[in-house]
N, C-alpha and C. Protein backbone atom coordinates (compact mmCIF):
# COMPACT_ATOMS: atom_id res chain seq x y z
N UNK A 1 -2.18 39.11 -91.73
CA UNK A 1 -1.03 38.78 -90.74
C UNK A 1 -1.65 37.31 -89.92
N UNK A 2 -0.82 36.56 -89.72
CA UNK A 2 -1.30 35.44 -88.79
C UNK A 2 -0.90 35.60 -87.17
N UNK A 3 -1.84 35.23 -86.27
CA UNK A 3 -1.68 35.63 -85.10
C UNK A 3 -0.96 34.60 -84.28
N UNK A 4 0.25 34.48 -83.73
CA UNK A 4 0.51 33.20 -83.04
C UNK A 4 0.09 33.16 -81.26
N UNK A 5 -0.67 32.18 -80.75
CA UNK A 5 -1.15 32.24 -79.60
C UNK A 5 -0.32 30.96 -79.08
N UNK A 6 -0.20 31.18 -77.89
CA UNK A 6 0.51 30.09 -77.11
C UNK A 6 -0.36 30.01 -75.67
N UNK A 7 -1.04 28.94 -75.32
CA UNK A 7 -1.74 28.34 -74.34
C UNK A 7 -0.65 27.19 -73.57
N UNK A 8 -0.01 27.59 -72.51
CA UNK A 8 0.28 26.70 -71.48
C UNK A 8 -0.60 26.50 -70.46
N UNK A 9 -0.75 25.59 -70.04
CA UNK A 9 -1.59 24.96 -68.52
C UNK A 9 -0.74 24.20 -67.47
N UNK A 10 -1.46 24.68 -66.48
CA UNK A 10 -0.88 23.75 -65.57
C UNK A 10 -1.89 23.13 -64.45
N UNK A 11 -1.96 22.52 -63.63
CA UNK A 11 -2.81 21.90 -62.90
C UNK A 11 -2.30 22.24 -61.51
N UNK A 12 -2.60 22.98 -60.54
CA UNK A 12 -2.51 23.68 -59.38
C UNK A 12 -1.81 22.64 -58.58
N UNK A 13 -1.01 22.93 -57.72
CA UNK A 13 -0.16 22.47 -56.80
C UNK A 13 -0.86 21.56 -55.62
N UNK A 14 -0.21 21.21 -54.93
CA UNK A 14 -0.41 19.88 -54.01
C UNK A 14 -1.49 20.40 -52.95
N UNK A 15 -2.28 19.92 -52.36
CA UNK A 15 -3.41 19.95 -51.71
C UNK A 15 -3.49 18.89 -50.65
N UNK A 16 -3.77 19.00 -49.09
CA UNK A 16 -4.39 18.12 -47.98
C UNK A 16 -4.82 16.95 -49.01
N UNK A 17 -6.00 17.55 -49.88
CA UNK A 17 -7.11 16.46 -50.14
C UNK A 17 -6.57 15.54 -51.38
N UNK A 18 -4.98 16.31 -51.95
CA UNK A 18 -4.04 15.23 -52.88
C UNK A 18 -3.65 14.19 -52.29
N UNK A 19 -3.51 14.09 -50.61
CA UNK A 19 -2.58 13.38 -49.97
C UNK A 19 -3.75 12.29 -49.70
N UNK A 20 -5.00 12.93 -49.11
CA UNK A 20 -6.08 11.83 -48.21
C UNK A 20 -6.82 11.20 -49.57
N UNK A 21 -6.40 11.62 -51.07
CA UNK A 21 -7.22 11.54 -52.00
C UNK A 21 -8.89 11.56 -51.83
N UNK A 22 -9.01 12.72 -51.78
CA UNK A 22 -10.55 13.04 -51.32
C UNK A 22 -10.85 13.84 -52.91
N UNK A 23 -12.04 14.07 -52.72
CA UNK A 23 -12.79 14.92 -54.36
C UNK A 23 -12.85 15.97 -53.62
N UNK A 24 -12.25 16.87 -54.45
CA UNK A 24 -12.21 18.32 -53.98
C UNK A 24 -13.36 19.04 -54.79
N UNK A 25 -13.46 19.20 -55.95
CA UNK A 25 -14.14 19.84 -56.92
C UNK A 25 -14.75 21.54 -56.60
N UNK A 26 -15.50 21.83 -56.49
CA UNK A 26 -16.00 22.82 -55.70
C UNK A 26 -15.61 23.56 -54.33
N UNK A 27 -15.12 22.80 -53.55
CA UNK A 27 -14.74 22.72 -52.15
C UNK A 27 -13.29 23.84 -52.12
N UNK A 28 -13.16 24.87 -51.77
CA UNK A 28 -12.27 25.92 -51.88
C UNK A 28 -10.79 25.60 -51.12
N UNK A 29 -10.16 24.57 -50.96
CA UNK A 29 -9.12 24.10 -50.07
C UNK A 29 -8.05 25.06 -50.92
N UNK A 30 -7.25 24.91 -49.67
CA UNK A 30 -5.87 25.96 -50.26
C UNK A 30 -4.49 24.86 -50.32
N UNK A 31 -3.63 25.25 -50.99
CA UNK A 31 -2.55 24.65 -51.06
C UNK A 31 -1.85 23.83 -49.46
N UNK A 32 -1.70 22.79 -49.83
CA UNK A 32 -0.64 22.47 -48.27
C UNK A 32 0.88 22.94 -48.37
N UNK A 33 1.51 22.60 -47.34
CA UNK A 33 3.17 23.23 -47.42
C UNK A 33 3.81 23.00 -48.52
N UNK A 34 3.73 21.46 -48.67
CA UNK A 34 4.45 20.84 -50.06
C UNK A 34 3.81 21.64 -51.64
N UNK A 35 2.47 21.99 -51.39
CA UNK A 35 2.12 22.34 -52.56
C UNK A 35 2.61 23.70 -52.86
N UNK A 36 2.96 24.74 -51.33
CA UNK A 36 3.79 25.89 -51.81
C UNK A 36 5.09 25.40 -51.93
N UNK A 37 5.54 24.81 -51.22
CA UNK A 37 7.21 24.67 -51.80
C UNK A 37 7.59 23.88 -52.88
N UNK A 38 6.64 23.02 -53.72
CA UNK A 38 6.67 22.80 -54.83
C UNK A 38 6.48 23.82 -55.76
N UNK A 39 5.47 24.79 -55.46
CA UNK A 39 5.20 25.38 -56.60
C UNK A 39 6.36 26.56 -56.62
N UNK A 40 6.86 27.09 -56.01
CA UNK A 40 7.84 27.93 -55.78
C UNK A 40 9.23 27.53 -56.88
N UNK A 41 9.22 25.92 -56.56
CA UNK A 41 10.07 25.31 -57.52
C UNK A 41 9.66 25.14 -58.67
N UNK A 42 8.52 24.86 -59.16
CA UNK A 42 8.02 25.28 -60.51
C UNK A 42 8.21 26.56 -61.09
N UNK A 43 8.03 27.57 -60.16
CA UNK A 43 8.28 28.78 -60.75
C UNK A 43 9.59 29.57 -61.08
N UNK A 44 10.78 28.60 -60.48
CA UNK A 44 12.03 28.60 -60.78
C UNK A 44 12.17 28.39 -61.95
N UNK A 45 11.86 27.28 -62.41
CA UNK A 45 11.68 26.28 -63.76
C UNK A 45 10.87 26.93 -64.86
N UNK A 46 10.07 27.64 -64.49
CA UNK A 46 9.62 28.79 -65.50
C UNK A 46 9.60 29.87 -65.60
N UNK A 47 10.87 30.48 -64.91
CA UNK A 47 11.48 31.72 -65.37
C UNK A 47 11.83 32.01 -66.55
N UNK A 48 12.12 30.95 -67.50
CA UNK A 48 12.50 31.52 -68.61
C UNK A 48 11.42 31.45 -69.71
N UNK A 49 10.22 31.21 -69.16
CA UNK A 49 9.64 31.01 -70.05
C UNK A 49 8.76 32.29 -70.40
N UNK A 50 8.21 32.53 -71.52
CA UNK A 50 8.02 34.17 -71.94
C UNK A 50 5.97 33.67 -71.80
N UNK A 51 5.77 34.77 -70.71
CA UNK A 51 4.44 34.70 -70.39
C UNK A 51 4.17 36.16 -70.53
N UNK A 52 2.67 36.58 -70.94
CA UNK A 52 2.26 37.82 -70.77
C UNK A 52 1.26 37.55 -69.65
N UNK A 53 0.20 36.95 -69.76
CA UNK A 53 -0.52 36.88 -68.65
C UNK A 53 -1.26 35.51 -67.86
N UNK A 54 -1.15 35.59 -66.92
CA UNK A 54 -1.86 34.21 -66.04
C UNK A 54 -3.76 34.25 -66.09
N UNK A 55 -4.11 33.21 -66.38
CA UNK A 55 -5.78 32.66 -66.02
C UNK A 55 -5.99 31.97 -65.00
N UNK A 56 -6.42 32.42 -64.15
CA UNK A 56 -6.67 31.07 -63.33
C UNK A 56 -8.20 30.94 -62.84
N UNK A 57 -8.56 29.58 -62.47
CA UNK A 57 -10.03 29.41 -61.97
C UNK A 57 -10.12 30.51 -60.29
N UNK A 58 -11.16 30.24 -59.98
CA UNK A 58 -11.35 31.37 -58.83
C UNK A 58 -11.33 30.57 -57.46
N UNK A 59 -10.90 29.19 -57.48
CA UNK A 59 -10.64 28.56 -56.66
C UNK A 59 -9.42 28.88 -55.70
N UNK A 60 -9.27 28.76 -54.62
CA UNK A 60 -8.00 28.99 -53.60
C UNK A 60 -6.87 28.49 -54.23
N UNK A 61 -7.13 27.05 -54.45
CA UNK A 61 -5.72 26.36 -54.91
C UNK A 61 -5.25 26.78 -56.10
N UNK A 62 -6.02 27.08 -56.90
CA UNK A 62 -5.35 27.65 -58.21
C UNK A 62 -5.03 29.43 -58.28
N UNK A 63 -5.77 30.03 -57.56
CA UNK A 63 -4.97 31.38 -57.62
C UNK A 63 -3.55 31.50 -56.43
N UNK A 64 -3.71 30.65 -55.60
CA UNK A 64 -2.23 30.42 -55.03
C UNK A 64 -1.39 29.69 -55.92
N UNK A 65 -1.56 28.93 -56.42
CA UNK A 65 0.05 28.58 -57.32
C UNK A 65 -0.12 29.53 -58.58
N UNK A 66 -1.26 30.24 -59.02
CA UNK A 66 -0.74 31.34 -59.84
C UNK A 66 -0.19 32.40 -59.17
N UNK A 67 -0.25 32.60 -58.40
CA UNK A 67 0.73 33.69 -57.41
C UNK A 67 2.08 33.37 -57.48
N UNK A 68 2.19 32.33 -56.94
CA UNK A 68 3.55 31.62 -57.02
C UNK A 68 4.10 31.48 -58.06
N UNK A 69 3.95 30.68 -59.46
CA UNK A 69 4.02 31.12 -60.80
C UNK A 69 4.48 32.21 -61.36
N UNK A 70 3.65 33.19 -61.21
CA UNK A 70 3.64 34.41 -61.55
C UNK A 70 4.87 35.59 -60.39
N UNK A 71 5.00 35.31 -59.39
CA UNK A 71 5.97 35.68 -58.82
C UNK A 71 5.89 37.27 -58.28
N UNK A 72 4.88 37.81 -58.61
CA UNK A 72 4.46 39.41 -58.70
C UNK A 72 4.53 40.21 -60.02
N UNK A 73 5.44 39.31 -60.94
CA UNK A 73 5.51 40.09 -62.24
C UNK A 73 4.51 39.51 -63.17
N UNK A 74 3.77 39.12 -63.22
CA UNK A 74 2.83 38.56 -64.17
C UNK A 74 1.61 38.92 -63.66
N UNK A 75 0.54 39.54 -64.46
CA UNK A 75 -1.25 40.09 -64.29
C UNK A 75 -1.55 38.76 -64.72
N UNK A 76 -2.75 38.55 -63.43
CA UNK A 76 -3.11 37.39 -63.19
C UNK A 76 -4.68 37.76 -63.30
N UNK A 77 -5.47 37.02 -64.31
CA UNK A 77 -7.14 37.09 -64.10
C UNK A 77 -8.09 36.09 -63.84
N UNK A 78 -8.62 36.37 -63.27
CA UNK A 78 -9.59 34.66 -62.97
C UNK A 78 -10.64 34.48 -63.36
N UNK A 79 -10.58 33.41 -64.10
CA UNK A 79 -12.07 33.30 -64.64
C UNK A 79 -13.05 31.99 -63.76
N UNK A 80 -14.17 32.15 -63.52
CA UNK A 80 -14.56 30.76 -63.00
C UNK A 80 -15.25 29.47 -64.18
N UNK A 81 -14.82 30.30 -65.57
CA UNK A 81 -15.11 29.13 -66.63
C UNK A 81 -13.79 28.31 -66.50
N UNK A 82 -12.77 28.13 -65.66
CA UNK A 82 -11.77 27.18 -65.74
C UNK A 82 -12.00 26.80 -64.59
N UNK A 83 -13.19 26.82 -63.44
CA UNK A 83 -12.96 26.15 -62.25
C UNK A 83 -13.21 24.89 -62.27
N UNK A 84 -12.99 24.07 -61.04
CA UNK A 84 -13.03 22.49 -61.46
C UNK A 84 -13.90 22.01 -61.57
N UNK A 85 -14.79 20.89 -62.22
CA UNK A 85 -15.54 20.09 -62.15
C UNK A 85 -16.68 20.06 -60.65
N UNK A 86 -17.93 20.49 -60.35
CA UNK A 86 -18.84 19.94 -59.46
C UNK A 86 -18.71 18.31 -59.20
N UNK A 87 -18.57 18.06 -58.25
CA UNK A 87 -18.60 16.22 -57.94
C UNK A 87 -19.98 16.52 -57.16
N UNK A 88 -20.57 17.24 -56.94
CA UNK A 88 -21.71 16.83 -56.31
C UNK A 88 -21.88 16.07 -54.72
N UNK A 89 -22.41 14.97 -54.70
CA UNK A 89 -22.20 14.18 -53.52
C UNK A 89 -20.93 13.77 -53.40
N UNK A 90 -20.46 13.53 -54.11
CA UNK A 90 -18.59 12.93 -53.88
C UNK A 90 -17.87 13.67 -53.08
N UNK A 91 -18.29 15.53 -53.45
CA UNK A 91 -17.38 16.06 -52.92
C UNK A 91 -16.72 15.98 -51.18
N UNK A 92 -15.52 16.24 -51.12
CA UNK A 92 -15.30 16.19 -49.80
C UNK A 92 -14.67 14.43 -49.25
N UNK A 93 -15.41 13.64 -50.26
CA UNK A 93 -15.10 12.18 -49.83
C UNK A 93 -14.10 11.42 -50.30
N UNK A 94 -13.26 10.54 -49.76
CA UNK A 94 -12.52 9.46 -50.32
C UNK A 94 -12.83 8.99 -51.22
N UNK A 95 -12.32 8.13 -52.21
CA UNK A 95 -12.13 7.02 -52.89
C UNK A 95 -13.18 5.98 -52.30
N UNK A 96 -12.55 5.53 -50.93
CA UNK A 96 -13.06 4.38 -50.71
C UNK A 96 -15.10 4.68 -50.27
N UNK A 97 -15.04 6.06 -49.38
CA UNK A 97 -16.20 6.77 -49.38
C UNK A 97 -17.22 7.16 -50.20
N UNK A 98 -16.85 7.21 -50.92
CA UNK A 98 -17.57 7.05 -52.51
C UNK A 98 -18.22 5.91 -52.92
N UNK A 99 -17.63 4.85 -52.53
CA UNK A 99 -18.23 3.20 -52.85
C UNK A 99 -19.35 3.27 -51.97
N UNK A 100 -19.60 3.58 -51.15
CA UNK A 100 -20.78 3.68 -50.12
C UNK A 100 -21.89 4.12 -50.45
N UNK A 101 -21.89 5.15 -51.39
CA UNK A 101 -23.03 6.24 -51.73
C UNK A 101 -24.19 5.18 -52.26
N UNK A 102 -25.14 5.58 -51.79
CA UNK A 102 -26.61 4.91 -52.31
C UNK A 102 -27.57 5.93 -52.93
N UNK A 103 -28.10 5.58 -53.91
CA UNK A 103 -27.74 4.72 -54.61
C UNK A 103 -26.31 5.27 -55.72
N UNK A 104 -25.75 3.80 -55.76
CA UNK A 104 -24.52 3.45 -56.44
C UNK A 104 -23.92 4.69 -57.26
N UNK A 105 -22.82 5.35 -57.62
CA UNK A 105 -22.35 6.21 -58.71
C UNK A 105 -21.72 5.32 -59.95
N UNK A 106 -22.57 5.55 -60.78
CA UNK A 106 -21.48 4.65 -62.16
C UNK A 106 -20.70 5.45 -62.45
N UNK A 107 -19.42 4.68 -62.81
CA UNK A 107 -18.31 5.15 -63.05
C UNK A 107 -18.12 4.53 -64.64
N UNK A 108 -17.19 5.10 -65.35
CA UNK A 108 -16.42 4.28 -66.84
C UNK A 108 -15.20 4.38 -67.05
N UNK A 109 -14.72 3.70 -67.54
CA UNK A 109 -13.46 3.15 -67.50
C UNK A 109 -12.75 3.83 -69.00
N UNK A 110 -11.95 4.81 -68.76
CA UNK A 110 -11.28 5.44 -70.15
C UNK A 110 -9.87 5.85 -69.75
N UNK A 111 -9.00 5.25 -70.63
CA UNK A 111 -7.87 5.25 -70.65
C UNK A 111 -7.57 4.28 -69.14
N UNK A 112 -6.58 4.42 -68.14
CA UNK A 112 -6.45 3.77 -67.08
C UNK A 112 -7.06 4.18 -65.88
N UNK A 113 -8.27 4.67 -66.10
CA UNK A 113 -8.92 5.43 -64.76
C UNK A 113 -10.30 5.59 -64.96
N UNK A 114 -11.06 5.78 -63.74
CA UNK A 114 -12.37 5.24 -63.84
C UNK A 114 -12.80 6.55 -63.81
N UNK A 115 -14.17 7.02 -64.39
CA UNK A 115 -14.60 8.23 -64.22
C UNK A 115 -16.15 8.22 -63.73
N UNK A 116 -16.49 9.13 -62.63
CA UNK A 116 -17.74 9.21 -62.48
C UNK A 116 -18.85 10.00 -63.21
N UNK A 117 -19.95 9.27 -63.68
CA UNK A 117 -20.84 9.68 -64.55
C UNK A 117 -21.81 10.20 -64.36
N UNK A 118 -22.85 10.01 -63.19
CA UNK A 118 -23.67 10.86 -62.08
C UNK A 118 -23.86 10.96 -61.10
N UNK A 119 -22.77 11.55 -60.48
CA UNK A 119 -22.93 11.80 -58.95
C UNK A 119 -24.16 12.82 -58.44
N UNK A 120 -24.89 12.37 -57.76
CA UNK A 120 -26.10 13.38 -57.53
C UNK A 120 -25.50 14.82 -56.88
N UNK A 121 -26.15 15.76 -57.88
CA UNK A 121 -25.89 17.08 -57.73
C UNK A 121 -24.47 17.73 -58.41
N UNK A 122 -24.42 16.40 -58.98
CA UNK A 122 -22.87 16.95 -59.85
C UNK A 122 -23.03 17.28 -61.26
N UNK A 123 -21.71 18.16 -61.94
CA UNK A 123 -21.91 18.57 -63.20
C UNK A 123 -21.76 17.65 -64.11
N UNK A 124 -22.45 17.17 -65.36
CA UNK A 124 -22.39 16.32 -66.22
C UNK A 124 -21.19 16.83 -67.27
N UNK A 125 -20.17 15.52 -67.83
CA UNK A 125 -19.59 15.79 -68.50
C UNK A 125 -19.99 16.71 -69.63
N UNK A 126 -21.13 16.72 -70.06
CA UNK A 126 -21.38 17.21 -71.16
C UNK A 126 -21.46 18.71 -70.97
N UNK A 127 -22.03 19.23 -69.95
CA UNK A 127 -21.63 20.76 -69.31
C UNK A 127 -20.51 20.90 -69.20
N UNK A 128 -19.61 20.24 -68.48
CA UNK A 128 -18.22 20.63 -68.46
C UNK A 128 -17.30 20.88 -69.86
N UNK A 129 -17.67 20.06 -70.61
CA UNK A 129 -17.26 19.90 -71.92
C UNK A 129 -17.69 21.16 -72.48
N UNK A 130 -19.20 21.34 -72.24
CA UNK A 130 -19.61 22.93 -73.05
C UNK A 130 -18.74 24.37 -72.29
N UNK A 131 -18.46 24.35 -70.81
CA UNK A 131 -17.76 25.35 -70.70
C UNK A 131 -16.24 25.37 -70.82
N UNK A 132 -15.52 24.24 -70.89
CA UNK A 132 -14.28 24.10 -71.96
C UNK A 132 -14.30 25.08 -72.96
N UNK A 133 -15.37 24.60 -74.02
CA UNK A 133 -15.41 25.20 -75.25
C UNK A 133 -16.01 26.71 -74.97
N UNK A 134 -16.19 27.26 -74.08
CA UNK A 134 -16.62 28.28 -73.86
C UNK A 134 -15.54 29.29 -73.38
N UNK A 135 -14.71 28.66 -72.41
CA UNK A 135 -13.14 28.61 -71.98
C UNK A 135 -12.57 29.67 -72.88
N UNK A 136 -12.61 28.71 -74.09
CA UNK A 136 -11.62 28.40 -75.36
C UNK A 136 -11.80 29.64 -76.26
N UNK A 137 -13.15 29.75 -76.35
CA UNK A 137 -13.61 30.97 -77.30
C UNK A 137 -13.32 32.60 -76.34
N UNK A 138 -13.39 32.29 -75.00
CA UNK A 138 -12.93 33.65 -74.24
C UNK A 138 -11.50 33.89 -74.44
N UNK A 139 -10.74 32.81 -74.41
CA UNK A 139 -8.79 33.11 -74.45
C UNK A 139 -9.15 33.43 -75.96
N UNK A 140 -9.46 33.26 -77.13
CA UNK A 140 -9.55 33.99 -78.45
C UNK A 140 -10.28 34.93 -78.83
N UNK A 141 -11.14 35.21 -77.69
CA UNK A 141 -11.88 36.65 -77.90
C UNK A 141 -11.02 37.75 -77.40
N UNK A 142 -10.51 37.41 -76.14
CA UNK A 142 -9.79 38.44 -75.45
C UNK A 142 -8.69 38.44 -75.50
N UNK A 143 -7.65 37.61 -75.88
CA UNK A 143 -6.09 37.53 -75.59
C UNK A 143 -5.61 36.73 -76.31
N UNK A 144 -6.31 36.83 -77.54
CA UNK A 144 -5.62 36.08 -78.93
C UNK A 144 -4.11 36.81 -79.25
N UNK A 145 -3.39 36.37 -79.44
CA UNK A 145 -1.93 36.91 -80.07
C UNK A 145 -0.96 36.82 -78.96
N UNK A 146 -1.55 36.26 -77.43
CA UNK A 146 -0.63 36.28 -76.45
C UNK A 146 -0.10 35.11 -75.92
N UNK A 147 0.88 35.09 -74.80
CA UNK A 147 1.68 33.80 -74.45
C UNK A 147 0.78 33.66 -73.14
N UNK A 148 -0.29 32.76 -72.82
CA UNK A 148 -0.77 32.49 -72.02
C UNK A 148 -0.41 31.44 -70.81
N UNK A 149 -1.07 31.71 -69.63
CA UNK A 149 -0.54 30.44 -68.75
C UNK A 149 -1.92 29.98 -67.96
N UNK A 150 -2.53 29.16 -68.00
CA UNK A 150 -3.91 28.70 -67.30
C UNK A 150 -3.57 27.84 -66.50
N UNK A 151 -4.00 28.22 -65.51
CA UNK A 151 -3.71 27.71 -64.08
C UNK A 151 -5.39 26.72 -63.62
N UNK A 152 -5.14 25.65 -63.62
CA UNK A 152 -6.50 25.17 -63.20
C UNK A 152 -6.78 23.79 -62.45
N UNK A 153 -7.85 23.33 -62.89
CA UNK A 153 -7.61 21.36 -62.37
C UNK A 153 -7.57 20.46 -63.04
N UNK A 154 -7.64 19.28 -62.40
CA UNK A 154 -7.41 17.87 -63.33
C UNK A 154 -8.35 17.64 -64.24
N UNK A 155 -9.57 17.70 -63.68
CA UNK A 155 -10.55 17.42 -64.86
C UNK A 155 -11.10 18.00 -65.85
N UNK A 156 -11.36 19.69 -65.20
CA UNK A 156 -11.56 20.44 -66.23
C UNK A 156 -10.68 20.83 -67.22
N UNK A 157 -8.98 20.67 -66.99
CA UNK A 157 -8.24 20.39 -67.81
C UNK A 157 -8.10 19.06 -68.63
N UNK A 158 -9.04 18.39 -68.48
CA UNK A 158 -8.76 17.40 -69.44
C UNK A 158 -9.94 17.83 -70.74
N UNK A 159 -10.84 18.42 -70.30
CA UNK A 159 -11.98 18.89 -71.09
C UNK A 159 -11.03 19.60 -72.07
N UNK A 160 -10.45 21.13 -71.26
CA UNK A 160 -10.27 21.77 -72.16
C UNK A 160 -8.88 21.46 -73.18
N UNK A 161 -7.94 20.43 -72.66
CA UNK A 161 -7.03 19.97 -73.16
C UNK A 161 -7.56 19.48 -74.69
N UNK A 162 -8.75 18.33 -74.46
CA UNK A 162 -9.63 17.80 -75.56
C UNK A 162 -9.97 18.81 -76.51
N UNK A 163 -10.81 19.79 -75.70
CA UNK A 163 -11.30 21.14 -76.57
C UNK A 163 -10.11 21.51 -77.59
N UNK A 164 -8.78 22.14 -77.23
CA UNK A 164 -8.05 22.83 -77.83
C UNK A 164 -6.92 21.59 -78.59
N UNK A 165 -7.24 20.07 -78.45
CA UNK A 165 -6.46 19.33 -79.17
C UNK A 165 -7.16 18.62 -80.48
N UNK A 166 -8.88 19.03 -80.03
CA UNK A 166 -9.79 17.97 -81.43
C UNK A 166 -10.30 16.83 -80.92
N UNK A 167 -10.05 16.53 -79.77
CA UNK A 167 -10.47 15.19 -79.43
C UNK A 167 -12.23 15.30 -78.89
N UNK A 168 -12.40 14.24 -78.49
CA UNK A 168 -13.70 14.19 -78.35
C UNK A 168 -14.06 14.36 -77.12
N UNK A 169 -15.05 14.86 -76.05
CA UNK A 169 -15.36 14.70 -75.04
C UNK A 169 -15.01 13.21 -73.99
N UNK A 170 -15.24 12.28 -74.75
CA UNK A 170 -15.06 11.21 -73.71
C UNK A 170 -13.27 10.79 -74.09
N UNK A 171 -13.01 10.97 -75.10
CA UNK A 171 -11.71 10.64 -75.28
C UNK A 171 -10.74 11.30 -74.62
N UNK A 172 -10.97 12.83 -74.10
CA UNK A 172 -10.22 13.71 -73.50
C UNK A 172 -10.04 13.36 -72.01
N UNK A 173 -10.67 12.08 -71.65
CA UNK A 173 -10.75 11.93 -70.28
C UNK A 173 -9.50 10.61 -70.31
N UNK A 174 -9.26 10.37 -70.98
CA UNK A 174 -7.92 9.39 -71.17
C UNK A 174 -6.73 9.69 -70.58
N UNK A 175 -6.34 11.09 -70.43
CA UNK A 175 -5.15 11.68 -69.53
C UNK A 175 -5.50 12.58 -68.66
N UNK A 176 -5.11 12.15 -67.46
CA UNK A 176 -5.64 12.96 -66.46
C UNK A 176 -3.84 13.78 -66.03
N UNK A 177 -3.83 14.96 -65.80
CA UNK A 177 -2.51 15.82 -65.62
C UNK A 177 -2.21 15.81 -64.30
N UNK A 178 -0.83 15.65 -63.87
CA UNK A 178 -0.28 15.62 -62.69
C UNK A 178 -0.78 17.01 -62.10
N UNK A 179 -0.20 17.46 -60.92
CA UNK A 179 0.18 18.47 -60.33
C UNK A 179 1.11 19.47 -60.70
N UNK A 180 1.10 20.51 -61.25
CA UNK A 180 1.84 21.38 -61.58
C UNK A 180 2.95 20.57 -63.37
N UNK A 181 2.05 19.48 -63.70
CA UNK A 181 1.99 19.33 -65.12
C UNK A 181 2.03 20.37 -66.31
N UNK A 182 3.07 20.93 -67.01
CA UNK A 182 3.03 21.88 -67.65
C UNK A 182 2.42 21.29 -69.25
N UNK A 183 1.25 21.78 -69.65
CA UNK A 183 1.04 21.36 -71.02
C UNK A 183 1.08 22.30 -71.99
N UNK A 184 1.56 22.31 -73.27
CA UNK A 184 1.86 23.46 -74.13
C UNK A 184 0.78 23.44 -75.44
N UNK A 185 0.09 24.43 -75.89
CA UNK A 185 -0.81 24.35 -77.23
C UNK A 185 -0.11 25.47 -77.57
N UNK A 186 0.36 25.34 -78.94
CA UNK A 186 0.64 26.54 -80.04
C UNK A 186 -0.40 26.37 -81.35
N UNK A 187 -0.95 28.00 -81.52
CA UNK A 187 -1.75 28.28 -82.35
C UNK A 187 -1.16 29.04 -83.34
N UNK A 188 -1.57 28.86 -84.74
CA UNK A 188 -1.32 29.88 -85.69
C UNK A 188 -2.78 30.35 -86.30
N UNK A 189 -3.21 31.57 -85.74
CA UNK A 189 -4.66 32.21 -85.69
C UNK A 189 -5.37 31.01 -84.91
N UNK A 190 -6.25 30.08 -85.62
CA UNK A 190 -7.36 29.30 -84.74
C UNK A 190 -6.93 27.84 -84.85
N UNK A 191 -5.66 27.45 -85.87
CA UNK A 191 -5.03 26.31 -85.88
C UNK A 191 -3.76 25.63 -85.01
N UNK A 192 -3.98 24.72 -84.54
CA UNK A 192 -3.11 24.25 -83.42
C UNK A 192 -2.07 23.96 -84.43
N UNK A 193 -0.81 24.30 -84.11
CA UNK A 193 0.60 23.92 -84.86
C UNK A 193 1.33 23.33 -84.06
N UNK A 194 1.03 23.18 -82.70
CA UNK A 194 2.36 22.38 -81.96
C UNK A 194 1.70 21.78 -80.52
N UNK A 195 2.12 21.12 -80.17
CA UNK A 195 1.49 20.33 -78.52
C UNK A 195 2.75 19.76 -78.27
N UNK A 196 2.81 20.04 -76.44
CA UNK A 196 3.74 19.36 -75.92
C UNK A 196 3.58 19.62 -74.61
N UNK A 197 4.43 18.57 -73.73
CA UNK A 197 3.66 18.18 -72.31
C UNK A 197 5.22 18.22 -71.85
N UNK A 198 5.35 18.67 -70.29
CA UNK A 198 7.08 18.77 -69.40
C UNK A 198 6.07 18.77 -67.93
N UNK A 199 7.04 17.67 -67.06
CA UNK A 199 6.87 18.02 -65.68
C UNK A 199 7.97 19.46 -65.38
N UNK A 200 7.07 19.59 -64.08
CA UNK A 200 8.00 20.60 -63.46
C UNK A 200 8.78 20.39 -62.28
N UNK A 201 8.53 18.97 -61.99
CA UNK A 201 9.16 18.78 -61.10
C UNK A 201 9.91 17.51 -60.74
N UNK A 202 10.56 17.14 -59.95
CA UNK A 202 11.28 15.55 -59.97
C UNK A 202 10.61 14.59 -59.24
N UNK A 203 10.68 13.52 -59.99
CA UNK A 203 9.83 12.45 -59.53
C UNK A 203 8.47 12.55 -60.16
N UNK A 204 7.90 11.46 -60.04
CA UNK A 204 6.34 11.38 -60.11
C UNK A 204 5.12 12.00 -59.21
N UNK A 205 4.64 12.31 -59.77
CA UNK A 205 3.51 13.07 -58.90
C UNK A 205 2.14 12.31 -58.54
N UNK A 206 1.67 12.24 -57.53
CA UNK A 206 0.16 11.59 -57.33
C UNK A 206 -0.63 12.29 -58.38
N UNK A 207 -1.33 11.41 -58.54
CA UNK A 207 -2.37 11.29 -59.69
C UNK A 207 -3.53 12.50 -59.12
N UNK A 208 -4.01 12.33 -57.89
CA UNK A 208 -4.68 12.75 -57.00
C UNK A 208 -4.37 14.51 -56.91
């Protein structure tokens, strides 16, 4: 008998670091008032979506978003496997401040965005890719056959979406999810059979 597993993913709601265009990474920043408001708006739109379990990263902005989306009625499991990438020396800095780091951080362009390759103390993309693969194995080992909502972070979700869709590590960097963007992956046993994306908020959200 084939098991149908649905994996919805959502990037956490807005934080003050988003407005300031700061790299948060492993810094445990909370949601902003705007993020709380928009999280409640997104929760109302998700009310008719069948979800058995929410898996959140252990960072505050993700946990707070998961609680808003679950609205007290869905079990939440926290996993550090889906924490955001560690940006090392870049964490807490704005884009402009990062340009002044010595020695300079190397960036590569994939899609319409620039991606930091070697920030001092940062997590290499290869390691993040392996973590995303480990997170997929964890999901299919523990929760296969369920309808799941993963609440996580922009760069980690780039990698995780790539793992789920069969892209390469570098190809996965081409699409960066907006705050509260809903991506859905449907599996029959271990085979991807459907994929879609939907916005949960009005208008275009900030990339940061």
